[in-house]
Amino acid sequence: MPNWIGPWEIGILLVIVLVVFGPKRLPELGSSLGKAITGFKKGLKDSNDELRKAVAETSEVDEEEKKS
């Protein structure tokens, strides 16, 4: 966490969010934020897996070409 964000700043931010969105919308916002983060992590993992697969295939092709 950055040094300029302390407990007072977090408290003030939470109060502002509560005033702007209201207590009824906070669970919805938390749920949608959690789903968005989960989707983002899944997308990163999938792209990382695809990249590793492509690198492995490329190295296999290079090894075959060297043997020929």
N, C-alpha and C. Protein backbone atom coordinates (compact mmCIF):
# COMPACT_ATOMS: atom_id res chain seq x y z
N MET A 1 0.85 -1.17 0.00
CA MET A 1 0.00 0.00 0.00
C MET A 1 0.89 1.23 0.00
N PRO A 2 0.56 2.23 -0.82
CA PRO A 2 1.38 3.44 -0.85
C PRO A 2 1.42 4.13 0.52
N ASN A 3 2.49 4.85 0.75
CA ASN A 3 2.68 5.52 2.03
C ASN A 3 1.69 6.64 2.27
N TRP A 4 1.17 7.24 1.21
CA TRP A 4 0.28 8.38 1.38
C TRP A 4 -1.16 7.98 1.70
N ILE A 5 -1.47 6.68 1.66
CA ILE A 5 -2.81 6.23 2.02
C ILE A 5 -2.76 5.65 3.42
N GLY A 6 -3.41 6.33 4.34
CA GLY A 6 -3.43 5.87 5.72
C GLY A 6 -4.84 5.48 6.13
N PRO A 7 -5.03 5.15 7.40
CA PRO A 7 -6.36 4.75 7.87
C PRO A 7 -7.39 5.87 7.78
N TRP A 8 -6.96 7.11 7.97
CA TRP A 8 -7.91 8.22 7.88
C TRP A 8 -8.40 8.41 6.44
N GLU A 9 -7.51 8.29 5.50
CA GLU A 9 -7.90 8.44 4.09
C GLU A 9 -8.86 7.34 3.66
N ILE A 10 -8.60 6.13 4.12
CA ILE A 10 -9.49 5.01 3.79
C ILE A 10 -10.87 5.23 4.42
N GLY A 11 -10.89 5.69 5.66
CA GLY A 11 -12.17 5.97 6.33
C GLY A 11 -12.96 7.05 5.62
N ILE A 12 -12.29 8.12 5.23
CA ILE A 12 -12.96 9.21 4.51
C ILE A 12 -13.50 8.70 3.18
N LEU A 13 -12.71 7.90 2.49
CA LEU A 13 -13.15 7.33 1.22
C LEU A 13 -14.38 6.45 1.39
N LEU A 14 -14.40 5.63 2.43
CA LEU A 14 -15.56 4.78 2.69
C LEU A 14 -16.81 5.60 3.00
N VAL A 15 -16.66 6.68 3.74
CA VAL A 15 -17.80 7.55 4.04
C VAL A 15 -18.33 8.19 2.76
N ILE A 16 -17.43 8.65 1.91
CA ILE A 16 -17.85 9.27 0.64
C ILE A 16 -18.58 8.25 -0.23
N VAL A 17 -18.05 7.04 -0.32
CA VAL A 17 -18.70 5.98 -1.12
C VAL A 17 -20.08 5.67 -0.55
N LEU A 18 -20.19 5.61 0.76
CA LEU A 18 -21.47 5.33 1.40
C LEU A 18 -22.49 6.44 1.11
N VAL A 19 -22.06 7.69 1.13
CA VAL A 19 -22.96 8.80 0.86
C VAL A 19 -23.38 8.81 -0.61
N VAL A 20 -22.43 8.55 -1.51
CA VAL A 20 -22.73 8.63 -2.94
C VAL A 20 -23.64 7.47 -3.37
N PHE A 21 -23.33 6.26 -2.97
CA PHE A 21 -24.06 5.10 -3.47
C PHE A 21 -25.17 4.63 -2.54
N GLY A 22 -25.06 4.92 -1.28
CA GLY A 22 -26.08 4.49 -0.33
C GLY A 22 -25.83 3.08 0.16
N PRO A 23 -26.39 2.76 1.32
CA PRO A 23 -26.11 1.45 1.91
C PRO A 23 -26.75 0.28 1.16
N LYS A 24 -27.79 0.54 0.38
CA LYS A 24 -28.47 -0.56 -0.33
C LYS A 24 -27.67 -1.01 -1.55
N ARG A 25 -26.89 -0.11 -2.16
CA ARG A 25 -26.14 -0.46 -3.37
C ARG A 25 -24.75 -1.00 -3.07
N LEU A 26 -24.26 -0.85 -1.85
CA LEU A 26 -22.90 -1.29 -1.54
C LEU A 26 -22.69 -2.79 -1.74
N PRO A 27 -23.62 -3.66 -1.32
CA PRO A 27 -23.41 -5.09 -1.59
C PRO A 27 -23.34 -5.41 -3.08
N GLU A 28 -24.16 -4.73 -3.87
CA GLU A 28 -24.13 -4.94 -5.32
C GLU A 28 -22.79 -4.51 -5.89
N LEU A 29 -22.30 -3.37 -5.44
CA LEU A 29 -21.01 -2.87 -5.93
C LEU A 29 -19.88 -3.82 -5.54
N GLY A 30 -19.91 -4.30 -4.31
CA GLY A 30 -18.89 -5.24 -3.87
C GLY A 30 -18.91 -6.53 -4.66
N SER A 31 -20.10 -7.02 -4.92
CA SER A 31 -20.25 -8.25 -5.69
C SER A 31 -19.75 -8.06 -7.12
N SER A 32 -20.14 -6.98 -7.75
CA SER A 32 -19.71 -6.75 -9.13
C SER A 32 -18.20 -6.50 -9.20
N LEU A 33 -17.64 -5.84 -8.19
CA LEU A 33 -16.20 -5.63 -8.17
C LEU A 33 -15.48 -6.96 -8.01
N GLY A 34 -15.98 -7.83 -7.16
CA GLY A 34 -15.38 -9.15 -6.99
C GLY A 34 -15.43 -9.97 -8.26
N LYS A 35 -16.57 -9.93 -8.96
CA LYS A 35 -16.70 -10.66 -10.23
C LYS A 35 -15.75 -10.10 -11.28
N ALA A 36 -15.60 -8.78 -11.30
CA ALA A 36 -14.70 -8.16 -12.28
C ALA A 36 -13.25 -8.55 -12.01
N ILE A 37 -12.85 -8.56 -10.75
CA ILE A 37 -11.48 -8.95 -10.41
C ILE A 37 -11.24 -10.41 -10.74
N THR A 38 -12.23 -11.26 -10.45
CA THR A 38 -12.11 -12.68 -10.77
C THR A 38 -11.99 -12.89 -12.28
N GLY A 39 -12.80 -12.19 -13.05
CA GLY A 39 -12.72 -12.29 -14.50
C GLY A 39 -11.38 -11.81 -15.04
N PHE A 40 -10.87 -10.74 -14.46
CA PHE A 40 -9.58 -10.19 -14.88
C PHE A 40 -8.47 -11.20 -14.60
N LYS A 41 -8.48 -11.80 -13.41
CA LYS A 41 -7.46 -12.79 -13.07
C LYS A 41 -7.55 -14.00 -13.98
N LYS A 42 -8.78 -14.43 -14.30
CA LYS A 42 -8.96 -15.59 -15.19
C LYS A 42 -8.43 -15.27 -16.59
N GLY A 43 -8.70 -14.05 -17.06
CA GLY A 43 -8.19 -13.65 -18.36
C GLY A 43 -6.67 -13.61 -18.39
N LEU A 44 -6.05 -13.11 -17.34
CA LEU A 44 -4.60 -13.09 -17.27
C LEU A 44 -4.03 -14.51 -17.27
N LYS A 45 -4.67 -15.39 -16.51
CA LYS A 45 -4.19 -16.77 -16.45
C LYS A 45 -4.32 -17.45 -17.81
N ASP A 46 -5.46 -17.24 -18.47
CA ASP A 46 -5.67 -17.84 -19.79
C ASP A 46 -4.66 -17.33 -20.81
N SER A 47 -4.42 -16.02 -20.81
CA SER A 47 -3.46 -15.47 -21.77
C SER A 47 -2.05 -15.94 -21.45
N ASN A 48 -1.73 -16.07 -20.18
CA ASN A 48 -0.42 -16.58 -19.79
C ASN A 48 -0.25 -18.03 -20.24
N ASP A 49 -1.30 -18.84 -20.07
CA ASP A 49 -1.26 -20.23 -20.51
C ASP A 49 -1.07 -20.32 -22.03
N GLU A 50 -1.78 -19.48 -22.77
CA GLU A 50 -1.66 -19.48 -24.23
C GLU A 50 -0.26 -19.07 -24.66
N LEU A 51 0.31 -18.08 -23.96
CA LEU A 51 1.65 -17.63 -24.30
C LEU A 51 2.67 -18.73 -24.04
N ARG A 52 2.55 -19.41 -22.91
CA ARG A 52 3.47 -20.50 -22.62
C ARG A 52 3.33 -21.63 -23.64
N LYS A 53 2.10 -21.91 -24.05
CA LYS A 53 1.86 -22.95 -25.05
C LYS A 53 2.50 -22.58 -26.38
N ALA A 54 2.37 -21.32 -26.78
CA ALA A 54 2.96 -20.86 -28.03
C ALA A 54 4.48 -20.91 -27.98
N VAL A 55 5.05 -20.55 -26.85
CA VAL A 55 6.51 -20.60 -26.70
C VAL A 55 6.98 -22.04 -26.75
N ALA A 56 6.25 -22.96 -26.11
CA ALA A 56 6.62 -24.37 -26.13
C ALA A 56 6.55 -24.93 -27.55
N GLU A 57 5.51 -24.56 -28.29
CA GLU A 57 5.38 -25.04 -29.67
C GLU A 57 6.50 -24.48 -30.54
N THR A 58 6.84 -23.23 -30.33
CA THR A 58 7.91 -22.61 -31.12
C THR A 58 9.25 -23.27 -30.82
N SER A 59 9.49 -23.56 -29.55
CA SER A 59 10.77 -24.21 -29.21
C SER A 59 10.82 -25.63 -29.77
N GLU A 60 9.69 -26.32 -29.82
CA GLU A 60 9.65 -27.66 -30.42
C GLU A 60 9.97 -27.59 -31.91
N VAL A 61 9.41 -26.62 -32.60
CA VAL A 61 9.66 -26.47 -34.03
C VAL A 61 11.13 -26.13 -34.26
N ASP A 62 11.69 -25.26 -33.42
CA ASP A 62 13.11 -24.91 -33.56
C ASP A 62 14.00 -26.13 -33.35
N GLU A 63 13.68 -26.97 -32.39
CA GLU A 63 14.47 -28.17 -32.12
C GLU A 63 14.38 -29.14 -33.30
N GLU A 64 13.20 -29.26 -33.90
CA GLU A 64 13.03 -30.15 -35.06
C GLU A 64 13.84 -29.64 -36.25
N GLU A 65 13.85 -28.31 -36.42
CA GLU A 65 14.61 -27.74 -37.54
C GLU A 65 16.12 -27.94 -37.35
N LYS A 66 16.57 -27.88 -36.11
CA LYS A 66 18.00 -28.07 -35.84
C LYS A 66 18.42 -29.50 -36.11
N LYS A 67 17.50 -30.46 -35.85
CA LYS A 67 17.81 -31.88 -36.09
C LYS A 67 17.86 -32.19 -37.58
N SER A 68 17.10 -31.45 -38.37
CA SER A 68 17.04 -31.73 -39.81
C SER A 68 18.25 -31.26 -40.56
